[in-house]
Amino acid sequence: MKEQDRYLKIVEWSEEDSCYVGSIPGWIGKCCHGNDELKVFQELSKILNEWVDIYSKEGRPLPKPTHKKYSGKFLLRTGPELHQALTLKALNEGESLNNFLVKKLKSVISG
């Protein structure tokens, strides 16, 4: 595996720019754009390769890749009032707070 393969490459549609934009989370921000998703990905990969070469030639350590394993758990601080309101809403719908919130979060992601 090449060093470049360790980095997450994201190409996503930008409503603001009305085109695809490419970035490497945690290292290279939005650095290329275009109307063809594949071409933007190819350009992003080229930019990443160039940055890896620059760091290597300068003897600089590469940033740590952002790939990580997710446990499926995270802590969310809401404040007591919101915690109570969400718990009551979940109970009214016959759900545990966890199941209620997972369903709500999934609906946000799926649009």
PDB file of N, CA and C in Angstrom:
ATOM      1  N   MET A   1       0.848  -1.179   0.000  1.00  0.00           N
ATOM      2  CA  MET A   1       0.000   0.000   0.000  1.00  0.00           C
ATOM      3  C   MET A   1       0.894   1.244   0.000  1.00  0.00           C
ATOM      4  N   LYS A   2       0.546   2.187  -0.846  1.00  0.00           N
ATOM      5  CA  LYS A   2       1.274   3.443  -0.902  1.00  0.00           C
ATOM      6  C   LYS A   2       0.820   4.335   0.255  1.00  0.00           C
ATOM      7  N   GLU A   3       1.677   5.233   0.664  1.00  0.00           N
ATOM      8  CA  GLU A   3       1.356   6.158   1.755  1.00  0.00           C
ATOM      9  C   GLU A   3       0.069   6.940   1.461  1.00  0.00           C
ATOM     10  N   GLN A   4      -0.122   7.312   0.205  1.00  0.00           N
ATOM     11  CA  GLN A   4      -1.301   8.082  -0.202  1.00  0.00           C
ATOM     12  C   GLN A   4      -2.601   7.327   0.050  1.00  0.00           C
ATOM     13  N   ASP A   5      -2.526   5.993   0.024  1.00  0.00           N
ATOM     14  CA  ASP A   5      -3.725   5.172   0.182  1.00  0.00           C
ATOM     15  C   ASP A   5      -4.275   5.209   1.605  1.00  0.00           C
ATOM     16  N   ARG A   6      -3.500   5.717   2.542  1.00  0.00           N
ATOM     17  CA  ARG A   6      -3.935   5.769   3.942  1.00  0.00           C
ATOM     18  C   ARG A   6      -4.889   6.935   4.215  1.00  0.00           C
ATOM     19  N   TYR A   7      -4.981   7.865   3.282  1.00  0.00           N
ATOM     20  CA  TYR A   7      -5.763   9.080   3.513  1.00  0.00           C
ATOM     21  C   TYR A   7      -7.154   8.986   2.900  1.00  0.00           C
ATOM     22  N   LEU A   8      -8.115   9.494   3.641  1.00  0.00           N
ATOM     23  CA  LEU A   8      -9.499   9.540   3.187  1.00  0.00           C
ATOM     24  C   LEU A   8      -9.639  10.669   2.173  1.00  0.00           C
ATOM     25  N   LYS A   9     -10.123  10.329   0.995  1.00  0.00           N
ATOM     26  CA  LYS A   9     -10.327  11.313  -0.067  1.00  0.00           C
ATOM     27  C   LYS A   9     -11.837  11.503  -0.222  1.00  0.00           C
ATOM     28  N   ILE A  10     -12.292  12.723  -0.068  1.00  0.00           N
ATOM     29  CA  ILE A  10     -13.727  12.989  -0.160  1.00  0.00           C
ATOM     30  C   ILE A  10     -14.011  13.907  -1.342  1.00  0.00           C
ATOM     31  N   VAL A  11     -14.917  13.463  -2.179  1.00  0.00           N
ATOM     32  CA  VAL A  11     -15.451  14.290  -3.256  1.00  0.00           C
ATOM     33  C   VAL A  11     -16.945  14.370  -3.003  1.00  0.00           C
ATOM     34  N   GLU A  12     -17.425  15.601  -2.835  1.00  0.00           N
ATOM     35  CA  GLU A  12     -18.847  15.776  -2.529  1.00  0.00           C
ATOM     36  C   GLU A  12     -19.417  16.950  -3.315  1.00  0.00           C
ATOM     37  N   TRP A  13     -20.711  16.903  -3.508  1.00  0.00           N
ATOM     38  CA  TRP A  13     -21.389  17.981  -4.212  1.00  0.00           C
ATOM     39  C   TRP A  13     -21.525  19.166  -3.268  1.00  0.00           C
ATOM     40  N   SER A  14     -21.199  20.344  -3.760  1.00  0.00           N
ATOM     41  CA  SER A  14     -21.337  21.576  -2.989  1.00  0.00           C
ATOM     42  C   SER A  14     -22.464  22.406  -3.584  1.00  0.00           C
ATOM     43  N   GLU A  15     -23.528  22.562  -2.816  1.00  0.00           N
ATOM     44  CA  GLU A  15     -24.638  23.411  -3.276  1.00  0.00           C
ATOM     45  C   GLU A  15     -24.157  24.850  -3.424  1.00  0.00           C
ATOM     46  N   GLU A  16     -23.305  25.266  -2.489  1.00  0.00           N
ATOM     47  CA  GLU A  16     -22.789  26.638  -2.496  1.00  0.00           C
ATOM     48  C   GLU A  16     -22.000  26.937  -3.767  1.00  0.00           C
ATOM     49  N   ASP A  17     -21.174  25.978  -4.203  1.00  0.00           N
ATOM     50  CA  ASP A  17     -20.327  26.179  -5.383  1.00  0.00           C
ATOM     51  C   ASP A  17     -20.943  25.625  -6.665  1.00  0.00           C
ATOM     52  N   SER A  18     -22.024  24.874  -6.540  1.00  0.00           N
ATOM     53  CA  SER A  18     -22.698  24.231  -7.675  1.00  0.00           C
ATOM     54  C   SER A  18     -21.751  23.342  -8.480  1.00  0.00           C
ATOM     55  N   CYS A  19     -20.917  22.587  -7.748  1.00  0.00           N
ATOM     56  CA  CYS A  19     -20.004  21.655  -8.394  1.00  0.00           C
ATOM     57  C   CYS A  19     -19.485  20.675  -7.341  1.00  0.00           C
ATOM     58  N   TYR A  20     -18.721  19.688  -7.794  1.00  0.00           N
ATOM     59  CA  TYR A  20     -18.078  18.756  -6.873  1.00  0.00           C
ATOM     60  C   TYR A  20     -16.809  19.402  -6.323  1.00  0.00           C
ATOM     61  N   VAL A  21     -16.523  19.150  -5.051  1.00  0.00           N
ATOM     62  CA  VAL A  21     -15.285  19.639  -4.438  1.00  0.00           C
ATOM     63  C   VAL A  21     -14.580  18.465  -3.761  1.00  0.00           C
ATOM     64  N   GLY A  22     -13.255  18.522  -3.776  1.00  0.00           N
ATOM     65  CA  GLY A  22     -12.460  17.453  -3.193  1.00  0.00           C
ATOM     66  C   GLY A  22     -11.643  17.951  -2.022  1.00  0.00           C
ATOM     67  N   SER A  23     -11.471  17.086  -1.018  1.00  0.00           N
ATOM     68  CA  SER A  23     -10.670  17.428   0.159  1.00  0.00           C
ATOM     69  C   SER A  23     -10.108  16.167   0.800  1.00  0.00           C
ATOM     70  N   ILE A  24      -9.083  16.358   1.635  1.00  0.00           N
ATOM     71  CA  ILE A  24      -8.493  15.293   2.445  1.00  0.00           C
ATOM     72  C   ILE A  24      -8.698  15.728   3.895  1.00  0.00           C
ATOM     73  N   PRO A  25      -9.702  15.179   4.593  1.00  0.00           N
ATOM     74  CA  PRO A  25      -9.999  15.619   5.957  1.00  0.00           C
ATOM     75  C   PRO A  25      -8.780  15.553   6.870  1.00  0.00           C
ATOM     76  N   GLY A  26      -8.607  16.602   7.644  1.00  0.00           N
ATOM     77  CA  GLY A  26      -7.521  16.656   8.601  1.00  0.00           C
ATOM     78  C   GLY A  26      -6.194  17.089   8.024  1.00  0.00           C
ATOM     79  N   TRP A  27      -6.168  17.353   6.700  1.00  0.00           N
ATOM     80  CA  TRP A  27      -4.898  17.768   6.107  1.00  0.00           C
ATOM     81  C   TRP A  27      -5.109  18.821   5.030  1.00  0.00           C
ATOM     82  N   ILE A  28      -5.751  18.443   3.952  1.00  0.00           N
ATOM     83  CA  ILE A  28      -5.906  19.340   2.812  1.00  0.00           C
ATOM     84  C   ILE A  28      -7.387  19.691   2.688  1.00  0.00           C
ATOM     85  N   GLY A  29      -7.682  20.967   2.827  1.00  0.00           N
ATOM     86  CA  GLY A  29      -9.074  21.413   2.716  1.00  0.00           C
ATOM     87  C   GLY A  29      -9.579  21.309   1.288  1.00  0.00           C
ATOM     88  N   LYS A  30     -10.672  21.967   1.010  1.00  0.00           N
ATOM     89  CA  LYS A  30     -11.240  21.942  -0.341  1.00  0.00           C
ATOM     90  C   LYS A  30     -10.208  22.516  -1.300  1.00  0.00           C
ATOM     91  N   CYS A  31      -9.701  21.659  -2.188  1.00  0.00           N
ATOM     92  CA  CYS A  31      -8.556  22.049  -3.008  1.00  0.00           C
ATOM     93  C   CYS A  31      -8.778  21.895  -4.502  1.00  0.00           C
ATOM     94  N   CYS A  32      -9.862  21.281  -4.900  1.00  0.00           N
ATOM     95  CA  CYS A  32     -10.137  21.140  -6.330  1.00  0.00           C
ATOM     96  C   CYS A  32     -11.647  21.043  -6.516  1.00  0.00           C
ATOM     97  N   HIS A  33     -12.089  21.376  -7.696  1.00  0.00           N
ATOM     98  CA  HIS A  33     -13.529  21.356  -7.959  1.00  0.00           C
ATOM     99  C   HIS A  33     -13.783  21.147  -9.449  1.00  0.00           C
ATOM    100  N   GLY A  34     -15.016  20.772  -9.758  1.00  0.00           N
ATOM    101  CA  GLY A  34     -15.410  20.580 -11.151  1.00  0.00           C
ATOM    102  C   GLY A  34     -16.770  19.939 -11.244  1.00  0.00           C
ATOM    103  N   ASN A  35     -17.234  19.779 -12.467  1.00  0.00           N
ATOM    104  CA  ASN A  35     -18.568  19.211 -12.703  1.00  0.00           C
ATOM    105  C   ASN A  35     -18.559  17.703 -12.890  1.00  0.00           C
ATOM    106  N   ASP A  36     -17.381  17.105 -13.004  1.00  0.00           N
ATOM    107  CA  ASP A  36     -17.256  15.668 -13.195  1.00  0.00           C
ATOM    108  C   ASP A  36     -16.657  15.052 -11.931  1.00  0.00           C
ATOM    109  N   GLU A  37     -17.446  14.266 -11.239  1.00  0.00           N
ATOM    110  CA  GLU A  37     -17.025  13.690  -9.957  1.00  0.00           C
ATOM    111  C   GLU A  37     -15.729  12.887 -10.084  1.00  0.00           C
ATOM    112  N   LEU A  38     -15.627  12.067 -11.098  1.00  0.00           N
ATOM    113  CA  LEU A  38     -14.434  11.241 -11.286  1.00  0.00           C
ATOM    114  C   LEU A  38     -13.193  12.097 -11.552  1.00  0.00           C
ATOM    115  N   LYS A  39     -13.332  13.121 -12.380  1.00  0.00           N
ATOM    116  CA  LYS A  39     -12.192  13.999 -12.671  1.00  0.00           C
ATOM    117  C   LYS A  39     -11.747  14.747 -11.411  1.00  0.00           C
ATOM    118  N   VAL A  40     -12.696  15.146 -10.578  1.00  0.00           N
ATOM    119  CA  VAL A  40     -12.343  15.819  -9.324  1.00  0.00           C
ATOM    120  C   VAL A  40     -11.591  14.842  -8.419  1.00  0.00           C
ATOM    121  N   PHE A  41     -12.038  13.585  -8.371  1.00  0.00           N
ATOM    122  CA  PHE A  41     -11.338  12.587  -7.563  1.00  0.00           C
ATOM    123  C   PHE A  41      -9.914  12.378  -8.080  1.00  0.00           C
ATOM    124  N   GLN A  42      -9.763  12.294  -9.383  1.00  0.00           N
ATOM    125  CA  GLN A  42      -8.436  12.110  -9.969  1.00  0.00           C
ATOM    126  C   GLN A  42      -7.529  13.298  -9.664  1.00  0.00           C
ATOM    127  N   GLU A  43      -8.063  14.506  -9.754  1.00  0.00           N
ATOM    128  CA  GLU A  43      -7.293  15.704  -9.427  1.00  0.00           C
ATOM    129  C   GLU A  43      -6.921  15.715  -7.949  1.00  0.00           C
ATOM    130  N   LEU A  44      -7.851  15.330  -7.095  1.00  0.00           N
ATOM    131  CA  LEU A  44      -7.594  15.254  -5.655  1.00  0.00           C
ATOM    132  C   LEU A  44      -6.474  14.261  -5.365  1.00  0.00           C
ATOM    133  N   SER A  45      -6.501  13.119  -6.018  1.00  0.00           N
ATOM    134  CA  SER A  45      -5.449  12.113  -5.835  1.00  0.00           C
ATOM    135  C   SER A  45      -4.096  12.652  -6.289  1.00  0.00           C
ATOM    136  N   LYS A  46      -4.080  13.393  -7.377  1.00  0.00           N
ATOM    137  CA  LYS A  46      -2.844  13.993  -7.880  1.00  0.00           C
ATOM    138  C   LYS A  46      -2.303  15.012  -6.864  1.00  0.00           C
ATOM    139  N   ILE A  47      -3.178  15.841  -6.329  1.00  0.00           N
ATOM    140  CA  ILE A  47      -2.773  16.838  -5.333  1.00  0.00           C
ATOM    141  C   ILE A  47      -2.214  16.146  -4.096  1.00  0.00           C
ATOM    142  N   LEU A  48      -2.874  15.084  -3.645  1.00  0.00           N
ATOM    143  CA  LEU A  48      -2.389  14.342  -2.480  1.00  0.00           C
ATOM    144  C   LEU A  48      -0.997  13.771  -2.754  1.00  0.00           C
ATOM    145  N   ASN A  49      -0.808  13.174  -3.919  1.00  0.00           N
ATOM    146  CA  ASN A  49       0.506  12.626  -4.281  1.00  0.00           C
ATOM    147  C   ASN A  49       1.578  13.715  -4.240  1.00  0.00           C
ATOM    148  N   GLU A  50       1.236  14.890  -4.763  1.00  0.00           N
ATOM    149  CA  GLU A  50       2.196  16.002  -4.768  1.00  0.00           C
ATOM    150  C   GLU A  50       2.565  16.415  -3.342  1.00  0.00           C
ATOM    151  N   TRP A  51       1.578  16.476  -2.454  1.00  0.00           N
ATOM    152  CA  TRP A  51       1.853  16.869  -1.069  1.00  0.00           C
ATOM    153  C   TRP A  51       2.675  15.812  -0.346  1.00  0.00           C
ATOM    154  N   VAL A  52       2.404  14.555  -0.601  1.00  0.00           N
ATOM    155  CA  VAL A  52       3.204  13.484   0.011  1.00  0.00           C
ATOM    156  C   VAL A  52       4.652  13.609  -0.459  1.00  0.00           C
ATOM    157  N   ASP A  53       4.856  13.885  -1.748  1.00  0.00           N
ATOM    158  CA  ASP A  53       6.213  14.063  -2.283  1.00  0.00           C
ATOM    159  C   ASP A  53       6.909  15.264  -1.650  1.00  0.00           C
ATOM    160  N   ILE A  54       6.195  16.367  -1.516  1.00  0.00           N
ATOM    161  CA  ILE A  54       6.774  17.578  -0.911  1.00  0.00           C
ATOM    162  C   ILE A  54       7.213  17.293   0.519  1.00  0.00           C
ATOM    163  N   TYR A  55       6.348  16.689   1.303  1.00  0.00           N
ATOM    164  CA  TYR A  55       6.685  16.374   2.698  1.00  0.00           C
ATOM    165  C   TYR A  55       7.889  15.435   2.750  1.00  0.00           C
ATOM    166  N   SER A  56       7.916  14.466   1.863  1.00  0.00           N
ATOM    167  CA  SER A  56       9.003  13.491   1.840  1.00  0.00           C
ATOM    168  C   SER A  56      10.337  14.177   1.500  1.00  0.00           C
ATOM    169  N   LYS A  57      10.329  15.015   0.476  1.00  0.00           N
ATOM    170  CA  LYS A  57      11.547  15.718   0.063  1.00  0.00           C
ATOM    171  C   LYS A  57      12.052  16.661   1.148  1.00  0.00           C
ATOM    172  N   GLU A  58      11.128  17.247   1.911  1.00  0.00           N
ATOM    173  CA  GLU A  58      11.512  18.178   2.970  1.00  0.00           C
ATOM    174  C   GLU A  58      11.810  17.463   4.290  1.00  0.00           C
ATOM    175  N   GLY A  59      11.617  16.153   4.320  1.00  0.00           N
ATOM    176  CA  GLY A  59      11.861  15.388   5.539  1.00  0.00           C
ATOM    177  C   GLY A  59      10.860  15.666   6.643  1.00  0.00           C
ATOM    178  N   ARG A  60       9.696  16.135   6.267  1.00  0.00           N
ATOM    179  CA  ARG A  60       8.645  16.438   7.245  1.00  0.00           C
ATOM    180  C   ARG A  60       7.763  15.217   7.462  1.00  0.00           C
ATOM    181  N   PRO A  61       7.332  14.987   8.694  1.00  0.00           N
ATOM    182  CA  PRO A  61       6.411  13.866   8.921  1.00  0.00           C
ATOM    183  C   PRO A  61       5.034  14.178   8.330  1.00  0.00           C
ATOM    184  N   LEU A  62       4.436  13.166   7.755  1.00  0.00           N
ATOM    185  CA  LEU A  62       3.089  13.332   7.202  1.00  0.00           C
ATOM    186  C   LEU A  62       2.066  13.431   8.334  1.00  0.00           C
ATOM    187  N   PRO A  63       0.998  14.199   8.115  1.00  0.00           N
ATOM    188  CA  PRO A  63      -0.082  14.212   9.105  1.00  0.00           C
ATOM    189  C   PRO A  63      -0.664  12.812   9.265  1.00  0.00           C
ATOM    190  N   LYS A  64      -1.170  12.527  10.456  1.00  0.00           N
ATOM    191  CA  LYS A  64      -1.776  11.212  10.680  1.00  0.00           C
ATOM    192  C   LYS A  64      -3.069  11.101   9.880  1.00  0.00           C
ATOM    193  N   PRO A  65      -3.262   9.963   9.210  1.00  0.00           N
ATOM    194  CA  PRO A  65      -4.529   9.750   8.488  1.00  0.00           C
ATOM    195  C   PRO A  65      -5.704   9.782   9.452  1.00  0.00           C
ATOM    196  N   THR A  66      -6.859  10.201   8.952  1.00  0.00           N
ATOM    197  CA  THR A  66      -8.038  10.321   9.802  1.00  0.00           C
ATOM    198  C   THR A  66      -8.849   9.040   9.891  1.00  0.00           C
ATOM    199  N   HIS A  67      -8.406   7.980   9.213  1.00  0.00           N
ATOM    200  CA  HIS A  67      -9.138   6.715   9.300  1.00  0.00           C
ATOM    201  C   HIS A  67      -9.114   6.231  10.748  1.00  0.00           C
ATOM    202  N   LYS A  68     -10.227   5.882  11.247  1.00  0.00           N
ATOM    203  CA  LYS A  68     -10.277   5.306  12.580  1.00  0.00           C
ATOM    204  C   LYS A  68     -11.481   4.392  12.669  1.00  0.00           C
ATOM    205  N   LYS A  69     -11.446   3.528  13.632  1.00  0.00           N
ATOM    206  CA  LYS A  69     -12.575   2.627  13.845  1.00  0.00           C
ATOM    207  C   LYS A  69     -13.551   3.309  14.796  1.00  0.00           C
ATOM    208  N   TYR A  70     -14.814   3.143  14.521  1.00  0.00           N
ATOM    209  CA  TYR A  70     -15.854   3.772  15.330  1.00  0.00           C
ATOM    210  C   TYR A  70     -16.553   2.717  16.167  1.00  0.00           C
ATOM    211  N   SER A  71     -16.736   3.023  17.437  1.00  0.00           N
ATOM    212  CA  SER A  71     -17.337   2.071  18.367  1.00  0.00           C
ATOM    213  C   SER A  71     -18.860   2.041  18.258  1.00  0.00           C
ATOM    214  N   GLY A  72     -19.431   3.100  17.697  1.00  0.00           N
ATOM    215  CA  GLY A  72     -20.886   3.201  17.678  1.00  0.00           C
ATOM    216  C   GLY A  72     -21.420   3.949  18.888  1.00  0.00           C
ATOM    217  N   LYS A  73     -20.517   4.472  19.692  1.00  0.00           N
ATOM    218  CA  LYS A  73     -20.905   5.223  20.887  1.00  0.00           C
ATOM    219  C   LYS A  73     -20.265   6.599  20.841  1.00  0.00           C
ATOM    220  N   PHE A  74     -21.011   7.598  21.294  1.00  0.00           N
ATOM    221  CA  PHE A  74     -20.423   8.915  21.506  1.00  0.00           C
ATOM    222  C   PHE A  74     -21.214   9.617  22.603  1.00  0.00           C
ATOM    223  N   LEU A  75     -20.555  10.532  23.273  1.00  0.00           N
ATOM    224  CA  LEU A  75     -21.170  11.262  24.373  1.00  0.00           C
ATOM    225  C   LEU A  75     -21.704  12.576  23.840  1.00  0.00           C
ATOM    226  N   LEU A  76     -22.936  12.877  24.178  1.00  0.00           N
ATOM    227  CA  LEU A  76     -23.563  14.117  23.737  1.00  0.00           C
ATOM    228  C   LEU A  76     -24.083  14.852  24.962  1.00  0.00           C
ATOM    229  N   ARG A  77     -23.592  16.051  25.187  1.00  0.00           N
ATOM    230  CA  ARG A  77     -24.053  16.857  26.314  1.00  0.00           C
ATOM    231  C   ARG A  77     -25.163  17.770  25.829  1.00  0.00           C
ATOM    232  N   THR A  78     -26.322  17.642  26.442  1.00  0.00           N
ATOM    233  CA  THR A  78     -27.488  18.397  25.984  1.00  0.00           C
ATOM    234  C   THR A  78     -27.979  19.435  26.976  1.00  0.00           C
ATOM    235  N   GLY A  79     -27.632  19.271  28.216  1.00  0.00           N
ATOM    236  CA  GLY A  79     -28.230  20.099  29.266  1.00  0.00           C
ATOM    237  C   GLY A  79     -29.437  19.367  29.824  1.00  0.00           C
ATOM    238  N   PRO A  80     -29.763  19.595  31.090  1.00  0.00           N
ATOM    239  CA  PRO A  80     -30.837  18.839  31.743  1.00  0.00           C
ATOM    240  C   PRO A  80     -32.223  19.035  31.124  1.00  0.00           C
ATOM    241  N   GLU A  81     -32.530  20.244  30.682  1.00  0.00           N
ATOM    242  CA  GLU A  81     -33.869  20.505  30.140  1.00  0.00           C
ATOM    243  C   GLU A  81     -34.109  19.748  28.832  1.00  0.00           C
ATOM    244  N   LEU A  82     -33.123  19.806  27.936  1.00  0.00           N
ATOM    245  CA  LEU A  82     -33.265  19.096  26.666  1.00  0.00           C
ATOM    246  C   LEU A  82     -33.263  17.589  26.893  1.00  0.00           C
ATOM    247  N   HIS A  83     -32.425  17.113  27.803  1.00  0.00           N
ATOM    248  CA  HIS A  83     -32.384  15.684  28.137  1.00  0.00           C
ATOM    249  C   HIS A  83     -33.772  15.225  28.596  1.00  0.00           C
ATOM    250  N   GLN A  84     -34.379  15.996  29.482  1.00  0.00           N
ATOM    251  CA  GLN A  84     -35.708  15.645  29.979  1.00  0.00           C
ATOM    252  C   GLN A  84     -36.738  15.665  28.850  1.00  0.00           C
ATOM    253  N   ALA A  85     -36.716  16.715  28.033  1.00  0.00           N
ATOM    254  CA  ALA A  85     -37.691  16.836  26.945  1.00  0.00           C
ATOM    255  C   ALA A  85     -37.563  15.682  25.952  1.00  0.00           C
ATOM    256  N   LEU A  86     -36.328  15.317  25.621  1.00  0.00           N
ATOM    257  CA  LEU A  86     -36.125  14.205  24.693  1.00  0.00           C
ATOM    258  C   LEU A  86     -36.573  12.880  25.290  1.00  0.00           C
ATOM    259  N   THR A  87     -36.287  12.684  26.561  1.00  0.00           N
ATOM    260  CA  THR A  87     -36.696  11.453  27.241  1.00  0.00           C
ATOM    261  C   THR A  87     -38.218  11.333  27.258  1.00  0.00           C
ATOM    262  N   LEU A  88     -38.899  12.422  27.567  1.00  0.00           N
ATOM    263  CA  LEU A  88     -40.371  12.406  27.585  1.00  0.00           C
ATOM    264  C   LEU A  88     -40.940  12.150  26.191  1.00  0.00           C
ATOM    265  N   LYS A  89     -40.337  12.771  25.180  1.00  0.00           N
ATOM    266  CA  LYS A  89     -40.786  12.553  23.806  1.00  0.00           C
ATOM    267  C   LYS A  89     -40.614  11.079  23.417  1.00  0.00           C
ATOM    268  N   ALA A  90     -39.468  10.492  23.780  1.00  0.00           N
ATOM    269  CA  ALA A  90     -39.209   9.082  23.487  1.00  0.00           C
ATOM    270  C   ALA A  90     -40.227   8.198  24.196  1.00  0.00           C
ATOM    271  N   LEU A  91     -40.476   8.476  25.478  1.00  0.00           N
ATOM    272  CA  LEU A  91     -41.452   7.685  26.240  1.00  0.00           C
ATOM    273  C   LEU A  91     -42.840   7.780  25.621  1.00  0.00           C
ATOM    274  N   ASN A  92     -43.222   8.966  25.179  1.00  0.00           N
ATOM    275  CA  ASN A  92     -44.532   9.148  24.536  1.00  0.00           C
ATOM    276  C   ASN A  92     -44.659   8.350  23.253  1.00  0.00           C
ATOM    277  N   GLU A  93     -43.537   8.072  22.622  1.00  0.00           N
ATOM    278  CA  GLU A  93     -43.547   7.282  21.388  1.00  0.00           C
ATOM    279  C   GLU A  93     -43.241   5.808  21.650  1.00  0.00           C
ATOM    280  N   GLY A  94     -43.160   5.434  22.932  1.00  0.00           N
ATOM    281  CA  GLY A  94     -42.927   4.043  23.298  1.00  0.00           C
ATOM    282  C   GLY A  94     -41.525   3.558  22.997  1.00  0.00           C
ATOM    283  N   GLU A  95     -40.568   4.459  23.005  1.00  0.00           N
ATOM    284  CA  GLU A  95     -39.189   4.137  22.665  1.00  0.00           C
ATOM    285  C   GLU A  95     -38.266   4.421  23.846  1.00  0.00           C
ATOM    286  N   SER A  96     -37.115   3.749  23.834  1.00  0.00           N
ATOM    287  CA  SER A  96     -36.057   4.163  24.754  1.00  0.00           C
ATOM    288  C   SER A  96     -35.459   5.448  24.187  1.00  0.00           C
ATOM    289  N   LEU A  97     -34.808   6.219  25.021  1.00  0.00           N
ATOM    290  CA  LEU A  97     -34.172   7.446  24.542  1.00  0.00           C
ATOM    291  C   LEU A  97     -33.151   7.123  23.444  1.00  0.00           C
ATOM    292  N   ASN A  98     -32.371   6.085  23.647  1.00  0.00           N
ATOM    293  CA  ASN A  98     -31.361   5.711  22.663  1.00  0.00           C
ATOM    294  C   ASN A  98     -31.992   5.385  21.309  1.00  0.00           C
ATOM    295  N   ASN A  99     -32.984   4.510  21.278  1.00  0.00           N
ATOM    296  CA  ASN A  99     -33.629   4.135  20.014  1.00  0.00           C
ATOM    297  C   ASN A  99     -34.295   5.334  19.350  1.00  0.00           C
ATOM    298  N   PHE A 100     -34.924   6.160  20.132  1.00  0.00           N
ATOM    299  CA  PHE A 100     -35.576   7.362  19.620  1.00  0.00           C
ATOM    300  C   PHE A 100     -34.562   8.264  18.918  1.00  0.00           C
ATOM    301  N   LEU A 101     -33.435   8.509  19.592  1.00  0.00           N
ATOM    302  CA  LEU A 101     -32.431   9.403  19.025  1.00  0.00           C
ATOM    303  C   LEU A 101     -31.730   8.791  17.816  1.00  0.00           C
ATOM    304  N   VAL A 102     -31.477   7.491  17.837  1.00  0.00           N
ATOM    305  CA  VAL A 102     -30.860   6.839  16.676  1.00  0.00           C
ATOM    306  C   VAL A 102     -31.763   6.992  15.459  1.00  0.00           C
ATOM    307  N   LYS A 103     -33.069   6.777  15.627  1.00  0.00           N
ATOM    308  CA  LYS A 103     -34.009   6.942  14.506  1.00  0.00           C
ATOM    309  C   LYS A 103     -34.003   8.377  13.997  1.00  0.00           C
ATOM    310  N   LYS A 104     -33.999   9.336  14.914  1.00  0.00           N
ATOM    311  CA  LYS A 104     -33.986  10.747  14.507  1.00  0.00           C
ATOM    312  C   LYS A 104     -32.701  11.103  13.763  1.00  0.00           C
ATOM    313  N   LEU A 105     -31.573  10.629  14.259  1.00  0.00           N
ATOM    314  CA  LEU A 105     -30.297  10.918  13.604  1.00  0.00           C
ATOM    315  C   LEU A 105     -30.230  10.276  12.223  1.00  0.00           C
ATOM    316  N   LYS A 106     -30.730   9.054  12.093  1.00  0.00           N
ATOM    317  CA  LYS A 106     -30.744   8.394  10.784  1.00  0.00           C
ATOM    318  C   LYS A 106     -31.610   9.169   9.794  1.00  0.00           C
ATOM    319  N   SER A 107     -32.713   9.709  10.279  1.00  0.00           N
ATOM    320  CA  SER A 107     -33.594  10.469   9.371  1.00  0.00           C
ATOM    321  C   SER A 107     -32.929  11.760   8.911  1.00  0.00           C
ATOM    322  N   VAL A 108     -32.079  12.330   9.735  1.00  0.00           N
ATOM    323  CA  VAL A 108     -31.347  13.538   9.336  1.00  0.00           C
ATOM    324  C   VAL A 108     -30.369  13.204   8.223  1.00  0.00           C
ATOM    325  N   ILE A 109     -29.675  12.093   8.344  1.00  0.00           N
ATOM    326  CA  ILE A 109     -28.667  11.710   7.349  1.00  0.00           C
ATOM    327  C   ILE A 109     -29.311  11.288   6.035  1.00  0.00           C
ATOM    328  N   SER A 110     -30.431  10.593   6.103  1.00  0.00           N
ATOM    329  CA  SER A 110     -31.064  10.091   4.876  1.00  0.00           C
ATOM    330  C   SER A 110     -31.869  11.167   4.177  1.00  0.00           C
ATOM    331  N   GLY A 111     -31.989  12.310   4.787  1.00  0.00           N
ATOM    332  CA  GLY A 111     -32.622  13.427   4.112  1.00  0.00           C
ATOM    333  C   GLY A 111     -34.044  13.561   4.463  1.00  0.00           C
TER     334      GLY A 111
END
